[in-house]
C-alpha cells in the first residue's frame, strides 16, 4: 500500500491526547485553527486524540432521514447535532469512543488520497490484531469492520494548502471502545446510512474494560508505523 504522507522516518508528528470531554464545536474550531497554523508553518503536523460529549455529525453526503430523532428527543437525550464539512453521512460521537484527528500535510508528489484513507484504516486494524481481534474492510464502505459490525468510522476532509502545493487533512476516525456505546448513541441514527449491518466496540468484543486513554496510547505506535512518523507526545 502506497503511503501518501510527505517525509520519511525522521518526520515528527505531535500527538496530543485531551483528557477532558471536548464539546464538538470546540474540537472543530481547534482543528481549523491547527490546519491554518500548519499551512503557515507555525505548527508541526498534529494528531489530536479525544472524546466528544454526545453528538451526531452529518457530513457532506448528508441524508436527514438517517437521523431517527426529532429536535425534542435530541434535547431530552442531551445530544448535539452538527452539519459539518467532512465526507460521509451521519455518525455518532460520545463518551467511550476514541476520536482521532490527524492534521497532516500531504504533498502533491505521488499523492493518493484513497491510500490515505486505507492507511488510517490499517493503523486501527493492526492495533486490533494486537489484541486478538480480526478486523478488516468492506469493499463498498469506508471504515474498519469486525465481521458485519463496524468498530471504527472514518470521514475526512482534504484542505487545499494555501502556502504550498498539497493538502492538509482534518477530521479523521472514531473508534468505539466502551461496551454500551452502540445502544447509547447509534440507536438514534442509521449510521452512515447503512441499515443492514451493526456497530460494535472493543470492550464488547474482548470483555475487557479498556479506557479511551489506554486505547489512544496503544494506537500511537501503529499510527506512527503506518505513516512513517516519529511521534512526539504532548502533555494533556
C-alpha atoms as a PDB file:
ATOM      1  CA  UNK A   1       0.000   0.000   0.000  1.00  0.00           C
ATOM      2  CA  UNK A   2       1.421   3.341  -1.024  1.00  0.00           C
ATOM      3  CA  UNK A   3       1.965   5.809   1.813  1.00  0.00           C
ATOM      4  CA  UNK A   4       0.710   9.295   0.928  1.00  0.00           C
ATOM      5  CA  UNK A   5       2.475  11.288   3.623  1.00  0.00           C
ATOM      6  CA  UNK A   6       5.291  13.696   2.914  1.00  0.00           C
ATOM      7  CA  UNK A   7       8.588  12.890   4.558  1.00  0.00           C
ATOM      8  CA  UNK A   8      10.285   9.768   5.912  1.00  0.00           C
ATOM      9  CA  UNK A   9      11.140   8.099   9.222  1.00  0.00           C
ATOM     10  CA  UNK A  10      12.512  11.358  10.678  1.00  0.00           C
ATOM     11  CA  UNK A  11       9.242  13.149  10.184  1.00  0.00           C
ATOM     12  CA  UNK A  12       7.921  14.356  13.540  1.00  0.00           C
ATOM     13  CA  UNK A  13       4.234  14.386  14.376  1.00  0.00           C
ATOM     14  CA  UNK A  14       2.935  15.885  17.605  1.00  0.00           C
ATOM     15  CA  UNK A  15       0.395  13.635  19.344  1.00  0.00           C
ATOM     16  CA  UNK A  16      -1.899  15.252  21.875  1.00  0.00           C
ATOM     17  CA  UNK A  17      -4.431  13.371  23.992  1.00  0.00           C
ATOM     18  CA  UNK A  18      -7.028  15.681  25.554  1.00  0.00           C
ATOM     19  CA  UNK A  19      -8.211  14.064  28.776  1.00  0.00           C
ATOM     20  CA  UNK A  20     -11.288  16.186  29.394  1.00  0.00           C
ATOM     21  CA  UNK A  21     -14.525  15.773  27.436  1.00  0.00           C
ATOM     22  CA  UNK A  22     -14.447  18.070  24.406  1.00  0.00           C
ATOM     23  CA  UNK A  23     -17.556  19.822  23.092  1.00  0.00           C
ATOM     24  CA  UNK A  24     -17.816  19.130  19.361  1.00  0.00           C
ATOM     25  CA  UNK A  25     -17.859  22.807  18.362  1.00  0.00           C
ATOM     26  CA  UNK A  26     -14.686  23.399  20.374  1.00  0.00           C
ATOM     27  CA  UNK A  27     -12.933  20.452  18.731  1.00  0.00           C
ATOM     28  CA  UNK A  28     -13.984  21.565  15.249  1.00  0.00           C
ATOM     29  CA  UNK A  29     -12.663  25.080  15.814  1.00  0.00           C
ATOM     30  CA  UNK A  30      -9.399  23.666  17.186  1.00  0.00           C
ATOM     31  CA  UNK A  31      -8.947  21.636  14.011  1.00  0.00           C
ATOM     32  CA  UNK A  32      -9.481  24.695  11.815  1.00  0.00           C
ATOM     33  CA  UNK A  33      -7.006  26.705  13.895  1.00  0.00           C
ATOM     34  CA  UNK A  34      -4.341  23.990  13.720  1.00  0.00           C
ATOM     35  CA  UNK A  35      -4.805  23.444   9.958  1.00  0.00           C
ATOM     36  CA  UNK A  36      -4.203  27.143   9.352  1.00  0.00           C
ATOM     37  CA  UNK A  37      -1.129  27.145  11.602  1.00  0.00           C
ATOM     38  CA  UNK A  38       0.293  24.051   9.882  1.00  0.00           C
ATOM     39  CA  UNK A  39      -0.232  25.658   6.482  1.00  0.00           C
ATOM     40  CA  UNK A  40       1.606  28.786   7.647  1.00  0.00           C
ATOM     41  CA  UNK A  41       4.485  26.779   9.118  1.00  0.00           C
ATOM     42  CA  UNK A  42       3.641  27.869  12.665  1.00  0.00           C
ATOM     43  CA  UNK A  43       2.813  24.387  13.997  1.00  0.00           C
ATOM     44  CA  UNK A  44       4.036  20.858  13.430  1.00  0.00           C
ATOM     45  CA  UNK A  45       1.676  18.306  11.969  1.00  0.00           C
ATOM     46  CA  UNK A  46      -0.531  17.072  14.783  1.00  0.00           C
ATOM     47  CA  UNK A  47      -2.616  14.072  15.811  1.00  0.00           C
ATOM     48  CA  UNK A  48      -5.413  15.091  18.186  1.00  0.00           C
ATOM     49  CA  UNK A  49      -6.935  12.289  20.262  1.00  0.00           C
ATOM     50  CA  UNK A  50     -10.004  12.958  22.399  1.00  0.00           C
ATOM     51  CA  UNK A  51     -13.568  12.146  23.418  1.00  0.00           C
ATOM     52  CA  UNK A  52     -16.583  14.249  22.495  1.00  0.00           C
ATOM     53  CA  UNK A  53     -19.700  14.881  24.514  1.00  0.00           C
ATOM     54  CA  UNK A  54     -22.732  13.172  22.840  1.00  0.00           C
ATOM     55  CA  UNK A  55     -23.018  14.462  19.275  1.00  0.00           C
ATOM     56  CA  UNK A  56     -24.395  13.498  15.881  1.00  0.00           C
ATOM     57  CA  UNK A  57     -22.493  14.839  12.879  1.00  0.00           C
ATOM     58  CA  UNK A  58     -23.769  14.910   9.302  1.00  0.00           C
ATOM     59  CA  UNK A  59     -21.103  15.022   6.601  1.00  0.00           C
ATOM     60  CA  UNK A  60     -21.354  16.362   3.060  1.00  0.00           C
ATOM     61  CA  UNK A  61     -23.183  13.225   1.873  1.00  0.00           C
ATOM     62  CA  UNK A  62     -25.984  14.051   4.262  1.00  0.00           C
ATOM     63  CA  UNK A  63     -29.361  12.352   4.421  1.00  0.00           C
ATOM     64  CA  UNK A  64     -31.583  13.923   7.115  1.00  0.00           C
ATOM     65  CA  UNK A  65     -33.835  10.851   7.071  1.00  0.00           C
ATOM     66  CA  UNK A  66     -30.997   8.833   8.638  1.00  0.00           C
ATOM     67  CA  UNK A  67     -31.494  10.798  11.859  1.00  0.00           C
ATOM     68  CA  UNK A  68     -34.281   8.975  13.694  1.00  0.00           C
ATOM     69  CA  UNK A  69     -34.806  11.505  16.497  1.00  0.00           C
ATOM     70  CA  UNK A  70     -36.627  14.830  16.379  1.00  0.00           C
ATOM     71  CA  UNK A  71     -35.387  18.064  17.913  1.00  0.00           C
ATOM     72  CA  UNK A  72     -37.206  17.481  21.200  1.00  0.00           C
ATOM     73  CA  UNK A  73     -35.829  13.957  21.546  1.00  0.00           C
ATOM     74  CA  UNK A  74     -32.307  15.188  20.873  1.00  0.00           C
ATOM     75  CA  UNK A  75     -32.709  17.751  23.624  1.00  0.00           C
ATOM     76  CA  UNK A  76     -34.066  15.155  26.059  1.00  0.00           C
ATOM     77  CA  UNK A  77     -31.099  12.864  25.400  1.00  0.00           C
ATOM     78  CA  UNK A  78     -28.585  15.716  25.532  1.00  0.00           C
ATOM     79  CA  UNK A  79     -27.225  15.015  22.045  1.00  0.00           C
ATOM     80  CA  UNK A  80     -25.978  17.868  19.856  1.00  0.00           C
ATOM     81  CA  UNK A  81     -26.308  17.905  16.066  1.00  0.00           C
ATOM     82  CA  UNK A  82     -23.802  19.419  13.634  1.00  0.00           C
ATOM     83  CA  UNK A  83     -23.690  19.609   9.844  1.00  0.00           C
ATOM     84  CA  UNK A  84     -20.002  19.550   9.023  1.00  0.00           C
ATOM     85  CA  UNK A  85     -17.540  19.614   6.131  1.00  0.00           C
ATOM     86  CA  UNK A  86     -16.108  16.087   6.174  1.00  0.00           C
ATOM     87  CA  UNK A  87     -17.118  13.405   3.720  1.00  0.00           C
ATOM     88  CA  UNK A  88     -19.719  10.786   4.558  1.00  0.00           C
ATOM     89  CA  UNK A  89     -23.171  10.664   6.101  1.00  0.00           C
ATOM     90  CA  UNK A  90     -24.317  10.720   9.741  1.00  0.00           C
ATOM     91  CA  UNK A  91     -22.419   9.216  12.685  1.00  0.00           C
ATOM     92  CA  UNK A  92     -22.258   9.428  16.460  1.00  0.00           C
ATOM     93  CA  UNK A  93     -19.546  10.700  18.810  1.00  0.00           C
ATOM     94  CA  UNK A  94     -19.707  10.296  22.554  1.00  0.00           C
ATOM     95  CA  UNK A  95     -18.048   9.164  25.785  1.00  0.00           C
ATOM     96  CA  UNK A  96     -16.330   5.813  25.414  1.00  0.00           C
ATOM     97  CA  UNK A  97     -15.237   6.493  21.834  1.00  0.00           C
ATOM     98  CA  UNK A  98     -11.705   7.428  20.771  1.00  0.00           C
ATOM     99  CA  UNK A  99     -11.830  10.200  18.180  1.00  0.00           C
ATOM    100  CA  UNK A 100      -8.654  10.901  16.220  1.00  0.00           C
ATOM    101  CA  UNK A 101      -7.994  13.992  14.123  1.00  0.00           C
ATOM    102  CA  UNK A 102      -4.783  13.610  12.070  1.00  0.00           C
ATOM    103  CA  UNK A 103      -3.828  17.054  10.780  1.00  0.00           C
ATOM    104  CA  UNK A 104      -1.226  16.071   8.204  1.00  0.00           C
ATOM    105  CA  UNK A 105       0.361  17.749   5.205  1.00  0.00           C
ATOM    106  CA  UNK A 106       0.051  15.620   2.064  1.00  0.00           C
ATOM    107  CA  UNK A 107       2.459  16.579  -0.697  1.00  0.00           C
ATOM    108  CA  UNK A 108       1.122  16.562  -4.248  1.00  0.00           C
ATOM    109  CA  UNK A 109       4.094  14.401  -5.310  1.00  0.00           C
ATOM    110  CA  UNK A 110       2.704  10.882  -5.614  1.00  0.00           C
ATOM    111  CA  UNK A 111      -0.488  11.966  -3.893  1.00  0.00           C
ATOM    112  CA  UNK A 112      -3.074   9.213  -3.445  1.00  0.00           C
ATOM    113  CA  UNK A 113      -5.998  10.354  -1.311  1.00  0.00           C
ATOM    114  CA  UNK A 114      -7.595   6.906  -1.235  1.00  0.00           C
ATOM    115  CA  UNK A 115      -4.331   5.453   0.103  1.00  0.00           C
ATOM    116  CA  UNK A 116      -4.526   7.931   2.973  1.00  0.00           C
ATOM    117  CA  UNK A 117      -7.924   6.500   3.973  1.00  0.00           C
ATOM    118  CA  UNK A 118      -6.606   2.940   3.697  1.00  0.00           C
ATOM    119  CA  UNK A 119      -3.618   3.878   5.890  1.00  0.00           C
ATOM    120  CA  UNK A 120      -5.945   5.234   8.582  1.00  0.00           C
ATOM    121  CA  UNK A 121      -7.913   2.004   8.468  1.00  0.00           C
ATOM    122  CA  UNK A 122      -4.777  -0.125   8.564  1.00  0.00           C
ATOM    123  CA  UNK A 123      -3.399   1.533  11.702  1.00  0.00           C
ATOM    124  CA  UNK A 124      -6.634   0.579  13.521  1.00  0.00           C
ATOM    125  CA  UNK A 125      -6.705  -2.920  12.015  1.00  0.00           C
ATOM    126  CA  UNK A 126      -3.143  -3.523  13.212  1.00  0.00           C
ATOM    127  CA  UNK A 127      -3.922  -2.326  16.747  1.00  0.00           C
ATOM    128  CA  UNK A 128      -6.987  -4.548  16.948  1.00  0.00           C
ATOM    129  CA  UNK A 129      -4.945  -7.526  15.710  1.00  0.00           C
ATOM    130  CA  UNK A 130      -2.530  -6.949  18.593  1.00  0.00           C
ATOM    131  CA  UNK A 131      -5.478  -7.685  20.890  1.00  0.00           C
ATOM    132  CA  UNK A 132      -6.648 -10.748  19.003  1.00  0.00           C
ATOM    133  CA  UNK A 133      -9.433  -9.055  17.047  1.00  0.00           C
ATOM    134  CA  UNK A 134      -9.556  -9.962  13.360  1.00  0.00           C
ATOM    135  CA  UNK A 135     -10.752  -6.780  11.684  1.00  0.00           C
ATOM    136  CA  UNK A 136     -10.818  -5.709   8.064  1.00  0.00           C
ATOM    137  CA  UNK A 137     -12.639  -3.734   5.404  1.00  0.00           C
ATOM    138  CA  UNK A 138     -15.821  -3.983   3.401  1.00  0.00           C
ATOM    139  CA  UNK A 139     -15.021  -3.011  -0.206  1.00  0.00           C
ATOM    140  CA  UNK A 140     -18.103  -0.822  -0.622  1.00  0.00           C
ATOM    141  CA  UNK A 141     -17.654   1.098   2.652  1.00  0.00           C
ATOM    142  CA  UNK A 142     -15.004   3.185   4.371  1.00  0.00           C
ATOM    143  CA  UNK A 143     -14.146   2.221   7.942  1.00  0.00           C
ATOM    144  CA  UNK A 144     -12.996  -0.791   9.963  1.00  0.00           C
ATOM    145  CA  UNK A 145     -15.217  -3.832  10.399  1.00  0.00           C
ATOM    146  CA  UNK A 146     -15.289  -6.955  12.532  1.00  0.00           C
ATOM    147  CA  UNK A 147     -17.471  -9.340  10.568  1.00  0.00           C
ATOM    148  CA  UNK A 148     -20.670  -7.461   9.793  1.00  0.00           C
ATOM    149  CA  UNK A 149     -20.240  -4.886  12.564  1.00  0.00           C
ATOM    150  CA  UNK A 150     -18.416  -1.577  12.249  1.00  0.00           C
ATOM    151  CA  UNK A 151     -15.968  -0.764  15.018  1.00  0.00           C
ATOM    152  CA  UNK A 152     -14.450   2.408  13.534  1.00  0.00           C
ATOM    153  CA  UNK A 153     -15.941   5.064  11.266  1.00  0.00           C
ATOM    154  CA  UNK A 154     -13.764   7.264   9.069  1.00  0.00           C
ATOM    155  CA  UNK A 155     -14.624  10.592   7.461  1.00  0.00           C
ATOM    156  CA  UNK A 156     -12.064  13.174   6.381  1.00  0.00           C
ATOM    157  CA  UNK A 157     -11.599  16.498   4.677  1.00  0.00           C
ATOM    158  CA  UNK A 158      -8.687  17.430   2.429  1.00  0.00           C
ATOM    159  CA  UNK A 159      -7.987  21.146   2.885  1.00  0.00           C
ATOM    160  CA  UNK A 160      -6.037  22.645  -0.004  1.00  0.00           C
ATOM    161  CA  UNK A 161      -2.893  24.276   1.354  1.00  0.00           C
ATOM    162  CA  UNK A 162      -2.570  27.961   0.520  1.00  0.00           C
ATOM    163  CA  UNK A 163       1.150  28.447   1.079  1.00  0.00           C
ATOM    164  CA  UNK A 164       2.477  25.326  -0.702  1.00  0.00           C
ATOM    165  CA  UNK A 165       1.256  22.632  -3.069  1.00  0.00           C
ATOM    166  CA  UNK A 166      -0.735  19.870  -1.460  1.00  0.00           C
ATOM    167  CA  UNK A 167      -3.407  19.291   1.148  1.00  0.00           C
ATOM    168  CA  UNK A 168      -3.765  19.298   4.926  1.00  0.00           C
ATOM    169  CA  UNK A 169      -6.094  16.677   6.333  1.00  0.00           C
ATOM    170  CA  UNK A 170      -8.718  17.215   9.009  1.00  0.00           C
ATOM    171  CA  UNK A 171     -11.442  15.185  10.710  1.00  0.00           C
ATOM    172  CA  UNK A 172     -10.472  11.502  10.855  1.00  0.00           C
ATOM    173  CA  UNK A 173     -11.630   8.387  12.713  1.00  0.00           C
ATOM    174  CA  UNK A 174     -13.973   7.387  15.541  1.00  0.00           C
ATOM    175  CA  UNK A 175     -13.063   4.093  17.246  1.00  0.00           C
ATOM    176  CA  UNK A 176     -15.647   2.543  19.570  1.00  0.00           C
ATOM    177  CA  UNK A 177     -14.130   1.412  22.875  1.00  0.00           C
ATOM    178  CA  UNK A 178     -16.829   1.256  25.595  1.00  0.00           C
ATOM    179  CA  UNK A 179     -19.229  -1.677  25.573  1.00  0.00           C
ATOM    180  CA  UNK A 180     -22.510   0.254  25.723  1.00  0.00           C
ATOM    181  CA  UNK A 181     -21.763   2.860  23.076  1.00  0.00           C
ATOM    182  CA  UNK A 182     -23.725   1.085  20.324  1.00  0.00           C
ATOM    183  CA  UNK A 183     -27.016   1.220  22.209  1.00  0.00           C
ATOM    184  CA  UNK A 184     -26.376   4.620  23.802  1.00  0.00           C
ATOM    185  CA  UNK A 185     -25.761   6.676  20.690  1.00  0.00           C
ATOM    186  CA  UNK A 186     -26.057   4.726  17.475  1.00  0.00           C
ATOM    187  CA  UNK A 187     -29.648   3.620  18.105  1.00  0.00           C
ATOM    188  CA  UNK A 188     -30.882   7.112  17.220  1.00  0.00           C
ATOM    189  CA  UNK A 189     -29.481   7.071  13.671  1.00  0.00           C
ATOM    190  CA  UNK A 190     -28.856   4.847  10.671  1.00  0.00           C
ATOM    191  CA  UNK A 191     -25.045   5.043  10.964  1.00  0.00           C
ATOM    192  CA  UNK A 192     -23.528   6.192   7.672  1.00  0.00           C
ATOM    193  CA  UNK A 193     -26.850   5.232   6.082  1.00  0.00           C
ATOM    194  CA  UNK A 194     -26.049   1.523   6.442  1.00  0.00           C
ATOM    195  CA  UNK A 195     -29.116  -0.369   7.658  1.00  0.00           C
ATOM    196  CA  UNK A 196     -28.063  -3.968   7.056  1.00  0.00           C
ATOM    197  CA  UNK A 197     -25.020  -4.047   9.367  1.00  0.00           C
ATOM    198  CA  UNK A 198     -24.455  -3.289  13.055  1.00  0.00           C
ATOM    199  CA  UNK A 199     -21.997  -1.480  15.301  1.00  0.00           C
ATOM    200  CA  UNK A 200     -19.645  -2.967  17.893  1.00  0.00           C
ATOM    201  CA  UNK A 201     -16.870  -1.884  20.282  1.00  0.00           C
ATOM    202  CA  UNK A 202     -13.514  -3.073  21.571  1.00  0.00           C
ATOM    203  CA  UNK A 203     -14.714  -3.879  25.081  1.00  0.00           C
ATOM    204  CA  UNK A 204     -17.803  -5.714  23.832  1.00  0.00           C
ATOM    205  CA  UNK A 205     -15.607  -7.953  21.677  1.00  0.00           C
ATOM    206  CA  UNK A 206     -12.897  -8.630  24.251  1.00  0.00           C
ATOM    207  CA  UNK A 207     -14.719  -8.487  27.586  1.00  0.00           C
ATOM    208  CA  UNK A 208     -12.069  -6.036  28.776  1.00  0.00           C
ATOM    209  CA  UNK A 209     -12.581  -2.628  30.375  1.00  0.00           C
ATOM    210  CA  UNK A 210     -10.044  -0.668  28.360  1.00  0.00           C
ATOM    211  CA  UNK A 211     -10.233   3.098  28.817  1.00  0.00           C
ATOM    212  CA  UNK A 212     -10.210   5.517  25.908  1.00  0.00           C
ATOM    213  CA  UNK A 213      -6.888   6.931  27.098  1.00  0.00           C
ATOM    214  CA  UNK A 214      -5.312   3.461  27.161  1.00  0.00           C
ATOM    215  CA  UNK A 215      -6.614   2.858  23.646  1.00  0.00           C
ATOM    216  CA  UNK A 216      -5.166   6.183  22.478  1.00  0.00           C
ATOM    217  CA  UNK A 217      -1.675   5.388  23.731  1.00  0.00           C
ATOM    218  CA  UNK A 218      -1.877   1.834  22.394  1.00  0.00           C
ATOM    219  CA  UNK A 219      -2.840   3.007  18.916  1.00  0.00           C
ATOM    220  CA  UNK A 220       0.001   5.523  18.590  1.00  0.00           C
ATOM    221  CA  UNK A 221       2.815   3.083  17.629  1.00  0.00           C
ATOM    222  CA  UNK A 222       0.632   1.595  14.893  1.00  0.00           C
ATOM    223  CA  UNK A 223      -0.236   5.051  13.548  1.00  0.00           C
ATOM    224  CA  UNK A 224       3.444   6.024  13.607  1.00  0.00           C
ATOM    225  CA  UNK A 225       4.442   2.864  11.781  1.00  0.00           C
ATOM    226  CA  UNK A 226       1.784   3.236   9.116  1.00  0.00           C
ATOM    227  CA  UNK A 227       2.627   6.871   8.397  1.00  0.00           C
ATOM    228  CA  UNK A 228       6.383   6.546   8.979  1.00  0.00           C
ATOM    229  CA  UNK A 229       6.413   9.223  11.657  1.00  0.00           C
ATOM    230  CA  UNK A 230       8.267   9.831  14.867  1.00  0.00           C
ATOM    231  CA  UNK A 231       5.589  10.762  17.380  1.00  0.00           C
ATOM    232  CA  UNK A 232       6.224  13.462  19.954  1.00  0.00           C
ATOM    233  CA  UNK A 233       3.622  13.053  22.704  1.00  0.00           C
ATOM    234  CA  UNK A 234       2.472  16.304  24.285  1.00  0.00           C
ATOM    235  CA  UNK A 235       1.187  16.696  27.805  1.00  0.00           C
ATOM    236  CA  UNK A 236      -2.602  16.625  28.199  1.00  0.00           C
END
